[in-house]
Amino acid sequence: MSEVEIEAVAGVLEDETARAILTRTSREPMSASELEQRCDASGPTIYRRLERLREHNLIEEQTRPDPVDGHHKQVYAPNLRRVTVELVDGELRLEIDRREDMSDRFTRLIEGI
């Protein structure tokens, strides 16, 4: 990652609400309204942080059916497993181990044949 990318991701992860969103959704995907309650933040704050997390591919949006009324709702889940920062030869290196869904993994497998 470039220095600019490292600074941008570090800036996102520095934010307490963004970190709360990632940790809360790591247990189970949550809607923005659920995140408002669990993170003790306003709706606009949650949506701004979700947008920043999406910009850096740290969270993904999923559509889920609501079992109560049958409508669909948007829920969010982290798109990462681990963030590693290393200092190697005087250079900071940031590595993000992203989650990969089964369809992406299957596509990569088929393309490799």
PDB file of N, CA and C in Angstrom:
ATOM      1  N   MET A   1       0.840  -1.179   0.000  1.00  0.00           N
ATOM      2  CA  MET A   1       0.000   0.000   0.000  1.00  0.00           C
ATOM      3  C   MET A   1       0.884   1.240   0.000  1.00  0.00           C
ATOM      4  N   SER A   2       0.409   2.268  -0.671  1.00  0.00           N
ATOM      5  CA  SER A   2       1.155   3.521  -0.695  1.00  0.00           C
ATOM      6  C   SER A   2       1.022   4.235   0.649  1.00  0.00           C
ATOM      7  N   GLU A   3       1.878   5.203   0.857  1.00  0.00           N
ATOM      8  CA  GLU A   3       1.839   5.994   2.094  1.00  0.00           C
ATOM      9  C   GLU A   3       0.484   6.683   2.251  1.00  0.00           C
ATOM     10  N   VAL A   4      -0.065   7.164   1.152  1.00  0.00           N
ATOM     11  CA  VAL A   4      -1.373   7.834   1.184  1.00  0.00           C
ATOM     12  C   VAL A   4      -2.463   6.853   1.610  1.00  0.00           C
ATOM     13  N   GLU A   5      -2.425   5.641   1.065  1.00  0.00           N
ATOM     14  CA  GLU A   5      -3.417   4.623   1.429  1.00  0.00           C
ATOM     15  C   GLU A   5      -3.280   4.222   2.897  1.00  0.00           C
ATOM     16  N   ILE A   6      -2.046   4.079   3.360  1.00  0.00           N
ATOM     17  CA  ILE A   6      -1.819   3.730   4.767  1.00  0.00           C
ATOM     18  C   ILE A   6      -2.403   4.802   5.673  1.00  0.00           C
ATOM     19  N   GLU A   7      -2.140   6.077   5.345  1.00  0.00           N
ATOM     20  CA  GLU A   7      -2.666   7.179   6.153  1.00  0.00           C
ATOM     21  C   GLU A   7      -4.189   7.202   6.134  1.00  0.00           C
ATOM     22  N   ALA A   8      -4.785   6.936   4.970  1.00  0.00           N
ATOM     23  CA  ALA A   8      -6.244   6.957   4.857  1.00  0.00           C
ATOM     24  C   ALA A   8      -6.878   5.848   5.696  1.00  0.00           C
ATOM     25  N   VAL A   9      -6.353   4.637   5.589  1.00  0.00           N
ATOM     26  CA  VAL A   9      -6.898   3.517   6.361  1.00  0.00           C
ATOM     27  C   VAL A   9      -6.660   3.734   7.852  1.00  0.00           C
ATOM     28  N   ALA A  10      -5.469   4.207   8.206  1.00  0.00           N
ATOM     29  CA  ALA A  10      -5.180   4.489   9.617  1.00  0.00           C
ATOM     30  C   ALA A  10      -6.125   5.558  10.152  1.00  0.00           C
ATOM     31  N   GLY A  11      -6.441   6.552   9.328  1.00  0.00           N
ATOM     32  CA  GLY A  11      -7.377   7.596   9.736  1.00  0.00           C
ATOM     33  C   GLY A  11      -8.766   7.048  10.010  1.00  0.00           C
ATOM     34  N   VAL A  12      -9.198   6.120   9.182  1.00  0.00           N
ATOM     35  CA  VAL A  12     -10.510   5.493   9.397  1.00  0.00           C
ATOM     36  C   VAL A  12     -10.489   4.680  10.687  1.00  0.00           C
ATOM     37  N   LEU A  13      -9.447   3.878  10.864  1.00  0.00           N
ATOM     38  CA  LEU A  13      -9.375   3.005  12.039  1.00  0.00           C
ATOM     39  C   LEU A  13      -9.118   3.779  13.330  1.00  0.00           C
ATOM     40  N   GLU A  14      -8.637   4.994  13.210  1.00  0.00           N
ATOM     41  CA  GLU A  14      -8.410   5.836  14.383  1.00  0.00           C
ATOM     42  C   GLU A  14      -9.735   6.294  15.004  1.00  0.00           C
ATOM     43  N   ASP A  15     -10.775   6.340  14.186  1.00  0.00           N
ATOM     44  CA  ASP A  15     -12.075   6.836  14.631  1.00  0.00           C
ATOM     45  C   ASP A  15     -12.790   5.803  15.507  1.00  0.00           C
ATOM     46  N   GLU A  16     -13.194   6.218  16.695  1.00  0.00           N
ATOM     47  CA  GLU A  16     -13.826   5.312  17.661  1.00  0.00           C
ATOM     48  C   GLU A  16     -15.123   4.704  17.128  1.00  0.00           C
ATOM     49  N   THR A  17     -15.937   5.507  16.455  1.00  0.00           N
ATOM     50  CA  THR A  17     -17.210   4.991  15.935  1.00  0.00           C
ATOM     51  C   THR A  17     -16.970   3.981  14.817  1.00  0.00           C
ATOM     52  N   ALA A  18     -16.009   4.245  13.953  1.00  0.00           N
ATOM     53  CA  ALA A  18     -15.692   3.292  12.879  1.00  0.00           C
ATOM     54  C   ALA A  18     -15.216   1.966  13.463  1.00  0.00           C
ATOM     55  N   ARG A  19     -14.374   2.045  14.485  1.00  0.00           N
ATOM     56  CA  ARG A  19     -13.911   0.804  15.134  1.00  0.00           C
ATOM     57  C   ARG A  19     -15.079   0.076  15.791  1.00  0.00           C
ATOM     58  N   ALA A  20     -15.982   0.821  16.415  1.00  0.00           N
ATOM     59  CA  ALA A  20     -17.150   0.195  17.052  1.00  0.00           C
ATOM     60  C   ALA A  20     -18.014  -0.509  16.010  1.00  0.00           C
ATOM     61  N   ILE A  21     -18.188   0.112  14.856  1.00  0.00           N
ATOM     62  CA  ILE A  21     -18.969  -0.514  13.784  1.00  0.00           C
ATOM     63  C   ILE A  21     -18.323  -1.835  13.369  1.00  0.00           C
ATOM     64  N   LEU A  22     -17.018  -1.825  13.182  1.00  0.00           N
ATOM     65  CA  LEU A  22     -16.323  -3.055  12.774  1.00  0.00           C
ATOM     66  C   LEU A  22     -16.428  -4.142  13.835  1.00  0.00           C
ATOM     67  N   THR A  23     -16.235  -3.782  15.093  1.00  0.00           N
ATOM     68  CA  THR A  23     -16.272  -4.815  16.135  1.00  0.00           C
ATOM     69  C   THR A  23     -17.680  -5.337  16.355  1.00  0.00           C
ATOM     70  N   ARG A  24     -18.679  -4.457  16.320  1.00  0.00           N
ATOM     71  CA  ARG A  24     -20.065  -4.920  16.529  1.00  0.00           C
ATOM     72  C   ARG A  24     -20.520  -5.822  15.389  1.00  0.00           C
ATOM     73  N   THR A  25     -20.204  -5.433  14.157  1.00  0.00           N
ATOM     74  CA  THR A  25     -20.660  -6.229  13.011  1.00  0.00           C
ATOM     75  C   THR A  25     -19.835  -7.495  12.809  1.00  0.00           C
ATOM     76  N   SER A  26     -18.715  -7.618  13.509  1.00  0.00           N
ATOM     77  CA  SER A  26     -17.925  -8.852  13.375  1.00  0.00           C
ATOM     78  C   SER A  26     -18.634 -10.031  14.023  1.00  0.00           C
ATOM     79  N   ARG A  27     -19.521  -9.756  14.956  1.00  0.00           N
ATOM     80  CA  ARG A  27     -20.290 -10.827  15.606  1.00  0.00           C
ATOM     81  C   ARG A  27     -21.463 -11.267  14.743  1.00  0.00           C
ATOM     82  N   GLU A  28     -22.139 -10.273  14.148  1.00  0.00           N
ATOM     83  CA  GLU A  28     -23.261 -10.542  13.254  1.00  0.00           C
ATOM     84  C   GLU A  28     -23.516  -9.295  12.422  1.00  0.00           C
ATOM     85  N   PRO A  29     -23.926  -9.453  11.153  1.00  0.00           N
ATOM     86  CA  PRO A  29     -24.244  -8.283  10.341  1.00  0.00           C
ATOM     87  C   PRO A  29     -25.359  -7.472  10.996  1.00  0.00           C
ATOM     88  N   MET A  30     -25.272  -6.152  10.878  1.00  0.00           N
ATOM     89  CA  MET A  30     -26.258  -5.264  11.504  1.00  0.00           C
ATOM     90  C   MET A  30     -26.691  -4.175  10.537  1.00  0.00           C
ATOM     91  N   SER A  31     -27.923  -3.721  10.730  1.00  0.00           N
ATOM     92  CA  SER A  31     -28.436  -2.597   9.954  1.00  0.00           C
ATOM     93  C   SER A  31     -27.919  -1.294  10.560  1.00  0.00           C
ATOM     94  N   ALA A  32     -28.078  -0.209   9.823  1.00  0.00           N
ATOM     95  CA  ALA A  32     -27.640   1.098  10.326  1.00  0.00           C
ATOM     96  C   ALA A  32     -28.394   1.470  11.600  1.00  0.00           C
ATOM     97  N   SER A  33     -29.686   1.165  11.655  1.00  0.00           N
ATOM     98  CA  SER A  33     -30.452   1.506  12.867  1.00  0.00           C
ATOM     99  C   SER A  33     -29.982   0.686  14.069  1.00  0.00           C
ATOM    100  N   GLU A  34     -29.621  -0.574  13.850  1.00  0.00           N
ATOM    101  CA  GLU A  34     -29.064  -1.379  14.944  1.00  0.00           C
ATOM    102  C   GLU A  34     -27.720  -0.810  15.395  1.00  0.00           C
ATOM    103  N   LEU A  35     -26.927  -0.357  14.430  1.00  0.00           N
ATOM    104  CA  LEU A  35     -25.631   0.228  14.766  1.00  0.00           C
ATOM    105  C   LEU A  35     -25.785   1.527  15.557  1.00  0.00           C
ATOM    106  N   GLU A  36     -26.811   2.316  15.235  1.00  0.00           N
ATOM    107  CA  GLU A  36     -27.073   3.539  16.010  1.00  0.00           C
ATOM    108  C   GLU A  36     -27.212   3.202  17.487  1.00  0.00           C
ATOM    109  N   GLN A  37     -28.003   2.179  17.774  1.00  0.00           N
ATOM    110  CA  GLN A  37     -28.248   1.796  19.169  1.00  0.00           C
ATOM    111  C   GLN A  37     -27.012   1.176  19.808  1.00  0.00           C
ATOM    112  N   ARG A  38     -26.362   0.264  19.107  1.00  0.00           N
ATOM    113  CA  ARG A  38     -25.231  -0.457  19.693  1.00  0.00           C
ATOM    114  C   ARG A  38     -23.972   0.396  19.820  1.00  0.00           C
ATOM    115  N   CYS A  39     -23.835   1.382  18.943  1.00  0.00           N
ATOM    116  CA  CYS A  39     -22.637   2.237  18.977  1.00  0.00           C
ATOM    117  C   CYS A  39     -22.904   3.558  19.689  1.00  0.00           C
ATOM    118  N   ASP A  40     -24.153   3.770  20.102  1.00  0.00           N
ATOM    119  CA  ASP A  40     -24.533   5.009  20.781  1.00  0.00           C
ATOM    120  C   ASP A  40     -24.116   6.226  19.956  1.00  0.00           C
ATOM    121  N   ALA A  41     -24.546   6.223  18.687  1.00  0.00           N
ATOM    122  CA  ALA A  41     -24.214   7.316  17.775  1.00  0.00           C
ATOM    123  C   ALA A  41     -25.453   7.674  16.957  1.00  0.00           C
ATOM    124  N   SER A  42     -25.470   8.878  16.422  1.00  0.00           N
ATOM    125  CA  SER A  42     -26.611   9.324  15.624  1.00  0.00           C
ATOM    126  C   SER A  42     -26.605   8.639  14.254  1.00  0.00           C
ATOM    127  N   GLY A  43     -27.758   8.649  13.612  1.00  0.00           N
ATOM    128  CA  GLY A  43     -27.874   8.070  12.274  1.00  0.00           C
ATOM    129  C   GLY A  43     -26.900   8.680  11.276  1.00  0.00           C
ATOM    130  N   PRO A  44     -26.831  10.030  11.192  1.00  0.00           N
ATOM    131  CA  PRO A  44     -25.880  10.630  10.250  1.00  0.00           C
ATOM    132  C   PRO A  44     -24.427  10.229  10.528  1.00  0.00           C
ATOM    133  N   THR A  45     -24.066  10.123  11.803  1.00  0.00           N
ATOM    134  CA  THR A  45     -22.699   9.709  12.152  1.00  0.00           C
ATOM    135  C   THR A  45     -22.439   8.290  11.668  1.00  0.00           C
ATOM    136  N   ILE A  46     -23.388   7.393  11.904  1.00  0.00           N
ATOM    137  CA  ILE A  46     -23.233   5.998  11.462  1.00  0.00           C
ATOM    138  C   ILE A  46     -23.080   5.940   9.943  1.00  0.00           C
ATOM    139  N   TYR A  47     -23.938   6.652   9.208  1.00  0.00           N
ATOM    140  CA  TYR A  47     -23.866   6.611   7.747  1.00  0.00           C
ATOM    141  C   TYR A  47     -22.562   7.204   7.217  1.00  0.00           C
ATOM    142  N   ARG A  48     -22.054   8.269   7.847  1.00  0.00           N
ATOM    143  CA  ARG A  48     -20.768   8.833   7.415  1.00  0.00           C
ATOM    144  C   ARG A  48     -19.639   7.832   7.629  1.00  0.00           C
ATOM    145  N   ARG A  49     -19.636   7.165   8.788  1.00  0.00           N
ATOM    146  CA  ARG A  49     -18.580   6.184   9.058  1.00  0.00           C
ATOM    147  C   ARG A  49     -18.701   4.982   8.136  1.00  0.00           C
ATOM    148  N   LEU A  50     -19.924   4.528   7.880  1.00  0.00           N
ATOM    149  CA  LEU A  50     -20.112   3.416   6.946  1.00  0.00           C
ATOM    150  C   LEU A  50     -19.568   3.780   5.570  1.00  0.00           C
ATOM    151  N   GLU A  51     -19.805   5.002   5.131  1.00  0.00           N
ATOM    152  CA  GLU A  51     -19.305   5.440   3.830  1.00  0.00           C
ATOM    153  C   GLU A  51     -17.780   5.429   3.798  1.00  0.00           C
ATOM    154  N   ARG A  52     -17.143   5.924   4.845  1.00  0.00           N
ATOM    155  CA  ARG A  52     -15.672   5.912   4.900  1.00  0.00           C
ATOM    156  C   ARG A  52     -15.139   4.478   4.916  1.00  0.00           C
ATOM    157  N   LEU A  53     -15.788   3.606   5.668  1.00  0.00           N
ATOM    158  CA  LEU A  53     -15.368   2.200   5.710  1.00  0.00           C
ATOM    159  C   LEU A  53     -15.526   1.542   4.340  1.00  0.00           C
ATOM    160  N   ARG A  54     -16.618   1.870   3.637  1.00  0.00           N
ATOM    161  CA  ARG A  54     -16.839   1.315   2.292  1.00  0.00           C
ATOM    162  C   ARG A  54     -15.808   1.850   1.296  1.00  0.00           C
ATOM    163  N   GLU A  55     -15.467   3.133   1.416  1.00  0.00           N
ATOM    164  CA  GLU A  55     -14.479   3.729   0.506  1.00  0.00           C
ATOM    165  C   GLU A  55     -13.157   2.968   0.532  1.00  0.00           C
ATOM    166  N   HIS A  56     -12.827   2.419   1.679  1.00  0.00           N
ATOM    167  CA  HIS A  56     -11.558   1.704   1.829  1.00  0.00           C
ATOM    168  C   HIS A  56     -11.748   0.187   1.851  1.00  0.00           C
ATOM    169  N   ASN A  57     -12.938  -0.251   1.438  1.00  0.00           N
ATOM    170  CA  ASN A  57     -13.250  -1.678   1.320  1.00  0.00           C
ATOM    171  C   ASN A  57     -13.046  -2.425   2.642  1.00  0.00           C
ATOM    172  N   LEU A  58     -13.419  -1.765   3.740  1.00  0.00           N
ATOM    173  CA  LEU A  58     -13.287  -2.379   5.057  1.00  0.00           C
ATOM    174  C   LEU A  58     -14.603  -2.967   5.557  1.00  0.00           C
ATOM    175  N   ILE A  59     -15.704  -2.614   4.887  1.00  0.00           N
ATOM    176  CA  ILE A  59     -17.013  -3.147   5.276  1.00  0.00           C
ATOM    177  C   ILE A  59     -17.813  -3.392   4.004  1.00  0.00           C
ATOM    178  N   GLU A  60     -18.706  -4.357   4.061  1.00  0.00           N
ATOM    179  CA  GLU A  60     -19.543  -4.630   2.896  1.00  0.00           C
ATOM    180  C   GLU A  60     -21.008  -4.544   3.280  1.00  0.00           C
ATOM    181  N   GLU A  61     -21.791  -4.165   2.293  1.00  0.00           N
ATOM    182  CA  GLU A  61     -23.232  -4.047   2.482  1.00  0.00           C
ATOM    183  C   GLU A  61     -23.882  -5.296   1.894  1.00  0.00           C
ATOM    184  N   GLN A  62     -24.809  -5.868   2.640  1.00  0.00           N
ATOM    185  CA  GLN A  62     -25.514  -7.065   2.192  1.00  0.00           C
ATOM    186  C   GLN A  62     -27.011  -6.807   2.291  1.00  0.00           C
ATOM    187  N   THR A  63     -27.780  -7.457   1.439  1.00  0.00           N
ATOM    188  CA  THR A  63     -29.237  -7.352   1.501  1.00  0.00           C
ATOM    189  C   THR A  63     -29.771  -8.617   2.141  1.00  0.00           C
ATOM    190  N   ARG A  64     -30.583  -8.435   3.161  1.00  0.00           N
ATOM    191  CA  ARG A  64     -31.160  -9.572   3.884  1.00  0.00           C
ATOM    192  C   ARG A  64     -32.672  -9.407   3.968  1.00  0.00           C
ATOM    193  N   PRO A  65     -33.416 -10.507   3.827  1.00  0.00           N
ATOM    194  CA  PRO A  65     -34.866 -10.415   4.032  1.00  0.00           C
ATOM    195  C   PRO A  65     -35.162 -10.257   5.522  1.00  0.00           C
ATOM    196  N   ASP A  66     -36.148  -9.438   5.814  1.00  0.00           N
ATOM    197  CA  ASP A  66     -36.581  -9.261   7.200  1.00  0.00           C
ATOM    198  C   ASP A  66     -37.604 -10.348   7.498  1.00  0.00           C
ATOM    199  N   PRO A  67     -37.337 -11.244   8.450  1.00  0.00           N
ATOM    200  CA  PRO A  67     -38.252 -12.355   8.719  1.00  0.00           C
ATOM    201  C   PRO A  67     -39.611 -11.907   9.255  1.00  0.00           C
ATOM    202  N   VAL A  68     -39.676 -10.700   9.795  1.00  0.00           N
ATOM    203  CA  VAL A  68     -40.931 -10.220  10.381  1.00  0.00           C
ATOM    204  C   VAL A  68     -41.904  -9.759   9.310  1.00  0.00           C
ATOM    205  N   ASP A  69     -41.456  -8.861   8.424  1.00  0.00           N
ATOM    206  CA  ASP A  69     -42.391  -8.299   7.450  1.00  0.00           C
ATOM    207  C   ASP A  69     -42.092  -8.694   6.003  1.00  0.00           C
ATOM    208  N   GLY A  70     -41.028  -9.451   5.775  1.00  0.00           N
ATOM    209  CA  GLY A  70     -40.717  -9.913   4.432  1.00  0.00           C
ATOM    210  C   GLY A  70     -39.984  -8.902   3.565  1.00  0.00           C
ATOM    211  N   HIS A  71     -39.864  -7.668   4.027  1.00  0.00           N
ATOM    212  CA  HIS A  71     -39.118  -6.668   3.272  1.00  0.00           C
ATOM    213  C   HIS A  71     -37.623  -6.959   3.373  1.00  0.00           C
ATOM    214  N   HIS A  72     -36.876  -6.343   2.496  1.00  0.00           N
ATOM    215  CA  HIS A  72     -35.424  -6.500   2.529  1.00  0.00           C
ATOM    216  C   HIS A  72     -34.805  -5.323   3.255  1.00  0.00           C
ATOM    217  N   LYS A  73     -33.705  -5.590   3.941  1.00  0.00           N
ATOM    218  CA  LYS A  73     -32.997  -4.502   4.607  1.00  0.00           C
ATOM    219  C   LYS A  73     -31.510  -4.649   4.345  1.00  0.00           C
ATOM    220  N   GLN A  74     -30.823  -3.533   4.424  1.00  0.00           N
ATOM    221  CA  GLN A  74     -29.381  -3.516   4.238  1.00  0.00           C
ATOM    222  C   GLN A  74     -28.711  -3.745   5.583  1.00  0.00           C
ATOM    223  N   VAL A  75     -27.769  -4.670   5.599  1.00  0.00           N
ATOM    224  CA  VAL A  75     -26.970  -4.916   6.794  1.00  0.00           C
ATOM    225  C   VAL A  75     -25.498  -4.814   6.398  1.00  0.00           C
ATOM    226  N   TYR A  76     -24.669  -4.632   7.394  1.00  0.00           N
ATOM    227  CA  TYR A  76     -23.242  -4.401   7.161  1.00  0.00           C
ATOM    228  C   TYR A  76     -22.412  -5.428   7.914  1.00  0.00           C
ATOM    229  N   ALA A  77     -21.332  -5.863   7.265  1.00  0.00           N
ATOM    230  CA  ALA A  77     -20.407  -6.827   7.869  1.00  0.00           C
ATOM    231  C   ALA A  77     -18.991  -6.425   7.471  1.00  0.00           C
ATOM    232  N   PRO A  78     -18.028  -6.651   8.350  1.00  0.00           N
ATOM    233  CA  PRO A  78     -16.649  -6.289   8.006  1.00  0.00           C
ATOM    234  C   PRO A  78     -16.139  -7.098   6.823  1.00  0.00           C
ATOM    235  N   ASN A  79     -15.306  -6.458   6.044  1.00  0.00           N
ATOM    236  CA  ASN A  79     -14.703  -7.118   4.894  1.00  0.00           C
ATOM    237  C   ASN A  79     -13.225  -7.385   5.175  1.00  0.00           C
ATOM    238  N   LEU A  80     -12.905  -7.621   6.430  1.00  0.00           N
ATOM    239  CA  LEU A  80     -11.520  -7.885   6.782  1.00  0.00           C
ATOM    240  C   LEU A  80     -11.456  -8.848   7.943  1.00  0.00           C
ATOM    241  N   ARG A  81     -10.352  -9.537   7.999  1.00  0.00           N
ATOM    242  CA  ARG A  81     -10.084 -10.445   9.118  1.00  0.00           C
ATOM    243  C   ARG A  81      -9.006  -9.879  10.020  1.00  0.00           C
ATOM    244  N   ARG A  82      -8.011  -9.264   9.371  1.00  0.00           N
ATOM    245  CA  ARG A  82      -6.860  -8.818  10.149  1.00  0.00           C
ATOM    246  C   ARG A  82      -6.209  -7.634   9.436  1.00  0.00           C
ATOM    247  N   VAL A  83      -5.679  -6.707  10.239  1.00  0.00           N
ATOM    248  CA  VAL A  83      -4.875  -5.602   9.729  1.00  0.00           C
ATOM    249  C   VAL A  83      -3.505  -5.728  10.382  1.00  0.00           C
ATOM    250  N   THR A  84      -2.464  -5.759   9.568  1.00  0.00           N
ATOM    251  CA  THR A  84      -1.106  -5.909  10.072  1.00  0.00           C
ATOM    252  C   THR A  84      -0.275  -4.709   9.641  1.00  0.00           C
ATOM    253  N   VAL A  85       0.452  -4.133  10.590  1.00  0.00           N
ATOM    254  CA  VAL A  85       1.372  -3.040  10.294  1.00  0.00           C
ATOM    255  C   VAL A  85       2.774  -3.531  10.625  1.00  0.00           C
ATOM    256  N   GLU A  86       3.678  -3.410   9.658  1.00  0.00           N
ATOM    257  CA  GLU A  86       5.060  -3.848   9.855  1.00  0.00           C
ATOM    258  C   GLU A  86       6.007  -2.704   9.512  1.00  0.00           C
ATOM    259  N   LEU A  87       7.116  -2.671  10.197  1.00  0.00           N
ATOM    260  CA  LEU A  87       8.191  -1.749   9.864  1.00  0.00           C
ATOM    261  C   LEU A  87       9.317  -2.588   9.275  1.00  0.00           C
ATOM    262  N   VAL A  88       9.544  -2.439   7.961  1.00  0.00           N
ATOM    263  CA  VAL A  88      10.529  -3.250   7.250  1.00  0.00           C
ATOM    264  C   VAL A  88      11.465  -2.321   6.477  1.00  0.00           C
ATOM    265  N   ASP A  89      12.737  -2.414   6.787  1.00  0.00           N
ATOM    266  CA  ASP A  89      13.753  -1.615   6.086  1.00  0.00           C
ATOM    267  C   ASP A  89      13.388  -0.132   6.039  1.00  0.00           C
ATOM    268  N   GLY A  90      12.964   0.405   7.174  1.00  0.00           N
ATOM    269  CA  GLY A  90      12.644   1.826   7.253  1.00  0.00           C
ATOM    270  C   GLY A  90      11.352   2.230   6.576  1.00  0.00           C
ATOM    271  N   GLU A  91      10.512   1.272   6.290  1.00  0.00           N
ATOM    272  CA  GLU A  91       9.258   1.543   5.586  1.00  0.00           C
ATOM    273  C   GLU A  91       8.100   0.881   6.314  1.00  0.00           C
ATOM    274  N   LEU A  92       7.006   1.626   6.480  1.00  0.00           N
ATOM    275  CA  LEU A  92       5.800   1.041   7.066  1.00  0.00           C
ATOM    276  C   LEU A  92       5.043   0.279   5.992  1.00  0.00           C
ATOM    277  N   ARG A  93       4.612  -0.904   6.342  1.00  0.00           N
ATOM    278  CA  ARG A  93       3.798  -1.707   5.429  1.00  0.00           C
ATOM    279  C   ARG A  93       2.507  -2.068   6.142  1.00  0.00           C
ATOM    280  N   LEU A  94       1.420  -1.850   5.460  1.00  0.00           N
ATOM    281  CA  LEU A  94       0.104  -2.174   5.991  1.00  0.00           C
ATOM    282  C   LEU A  94      -0.490  -3.260   5.115  1.00  0.00           C
ATOM    283  N   GLU A  95      -0.928  -4.322   5.742  1.00  0.00           N
ATOM    284  CA  GLU A  95      -1.556  -5.414   5.000  1.00  0.00           C
ATOM    285  C   GLU A  95      -2.925  -5.675   5.600  1.00  0.00           C
ATOM    286  N   ILE A  96      -3.916  -5.752   4.729  1.00  0.00           N
ATOM    287  CA  ILE A  96      -5.277  -6.038   5.168  1.00  0.00           C
ATOM    288  C   ILE A  96      -5.659  -7.405   4.623  1.00  0.00           C
ATOM    289  N   ASP A  97      -5.939  -8.325   5.526  1.00  0.00           N
ATOM    290  CA  ASP A  97      -6.391  -9.660   5.157  1.00  0.00           C
ATOM    291  C   ASP A  97      -7.911  -9.581   5.046  1.00  0.00           C
ATOM    292  N   ARG A  98      -8.399  -9.535   3.816  1.00  0.00           N
ATOM    293  CA  ARG A  98      -9.837  -9.355   3.584  1.00  0.00           C
ATOM    294  C   ARG A  98     -10.559 -10.696   3.548  1.00  0.00           C
ATOM    295  N   ARG A  99     -11.819 -10.635   3.925  1.00  0.00           N
ATOM    296  CA  ARG A  99     -12.672 -11.818   3.808  1.00  0.00           C
ATOM    297  C   ARG A  99     -13.004 -12.009   2.344  1.00  0.00           C
ATOM    298  N   GLU A 100     -13.237 -13.229   1.988  1.00  0.00           N
ATOM    299  CA  GLU A 100     -13.569 -13.537   0.604  1.00  0.00           C
ATOM    300  C   GLU A 100     -14.773 -14.469   0.612  1.00  0.00           C
ATOM    301  N   ASP A 101     -15.828 -14.060  -0.109  1.00  0.00           N
ATOM    302  CA  ASP A 101     -16.990 -14.940  -0.103  1.00  0.00           C
ATOM    303  C   ASP A 101     -16.754 -16.125  -1.031  1.00  0.00           C
ATOM    304  N   MET A 102     -17.577 -17.123  -0.868  1.00  0.00           N
ATOM    305  CA  MET A 102     -17.391 -18.384  -1.586  1.00  0.00           C
ATOM    306  C   MET A 102     -17.442 -18.201  -3.099  1.00  0.00           C
ATOM    307  N   SER A 103     -18.313 -17.330  -3.599  1.00  0.00           N
ATOM    308  CA  SER A 103     -18.411 -17.154  -5.051  1.00  0.00           C
ATOM    309  C   SER A 103     -17.125 -16.558  -5.614  1.00  0.00           C
ATOM    310  N   ASP A 104     -16.512 -15.599  -4.887  1.00  0.00           N
ATOM    311  CA  ASP A 104     -15.242 -15.034  -5.339  1.00  0.00           C
ATOM    312  C   ASP A 104     -14.137 -16.090  -5.315  1.00  0.00           C
ATOM    313  N   ARG A 105     -14.108 -16.887  -4.284  1.00  0.00           N
ATOM    314  CA  ARG A 105     -13.102 -17.939  -4.165  1.00  0.00           C
ATOM    315  C   ARG A 105     -13.264 -18.961  -5.302  1.00  0.00           C
ATOM    316  N   PHE A 106     -14.519 -19.329  -5.609  1.00  0.00           N
ATOM    317  CA  PHE A 106     -14.790 -20.277  -6.681  1.00  0.00           C
ATOM    318  C   PHE A 106     -14.358 -19.698  -8.029  1.00  0.00           C
ATOM    319  N   THR A 107     -14.680 -18.425  -8.265  1.00  0.00           N
ATOM    320  CA  THR A 107     -14.285 -17.772  -9.515  1.00  0.00           C
ATOM    321  C   THR A 107     -12.773 -17.779  -9.671  1.00  0.00           C
ATOM    322  N   ARG A 108     -12.052 -17.444  -8.611  1.00  0.00           N
ATOM    323  CA  ARG A 108     -10.595 -17.441  -8.658  1.00  0.00           C
ATOM    324  C   ARG A 108     -10.056 -18.845  -8.951  1.00  0.00           C
ATOM    325  N   LEU A 109     -10.683 -19.858  -8.364  1.00  0.00           N
ATOM    326  CA  LEU A 109     -10.271 -21.238  -8.590  1.00  0.00           C
ATOM    327  C   LEU A 109     -10.454 -21.624 -10.058  1.00  0.00           C
ATOM    328  N   ILE A 110     -11.615 -21.311 -10.613  1.00  0.00           N
ATOM    329  CA  ILE A 110     -11.916 -21.658 -12.007  1.00  0.00           C
ATOM    330  C   ILE A 110     -10.994 -20.907 -12.959  1.00  0.00           C
ATOM    331  N   GLU A 111     -10.753 -19.632 -12.690  1.00  0.00           N
ATOM    332  CA  GLU A 111      -9.872 -18.849 -13.560  1.00  0.00           C
ATOM    333  C   GLU A 111      -8.442 -19.364 -13.522  1.00  0.00           C
ATOM    334  N   GLY A 112      -8.060 -20.014 -12.434  1.00  0.00           N
ATOM    335  CA  GLY A 112      -6.709 -20.542 -12.305  1.00  0.00           C
ATOM    336  C   GLY A 112      -6.491 -21.863 -13.019  1.00  0.00           C
ATOM    337  N   ILE A 113      -7.570 -22.447 -13.524  1.00  0.00           N
ATOM    338  CA  ILE A 113      -7.464 -23.763 -14.201  1.00  0.00           C
ATOM    339  C   ILE A 113      -7.059 -23.582 -15.644  1.00  0.00           C
TER     340      ILE A 113
END
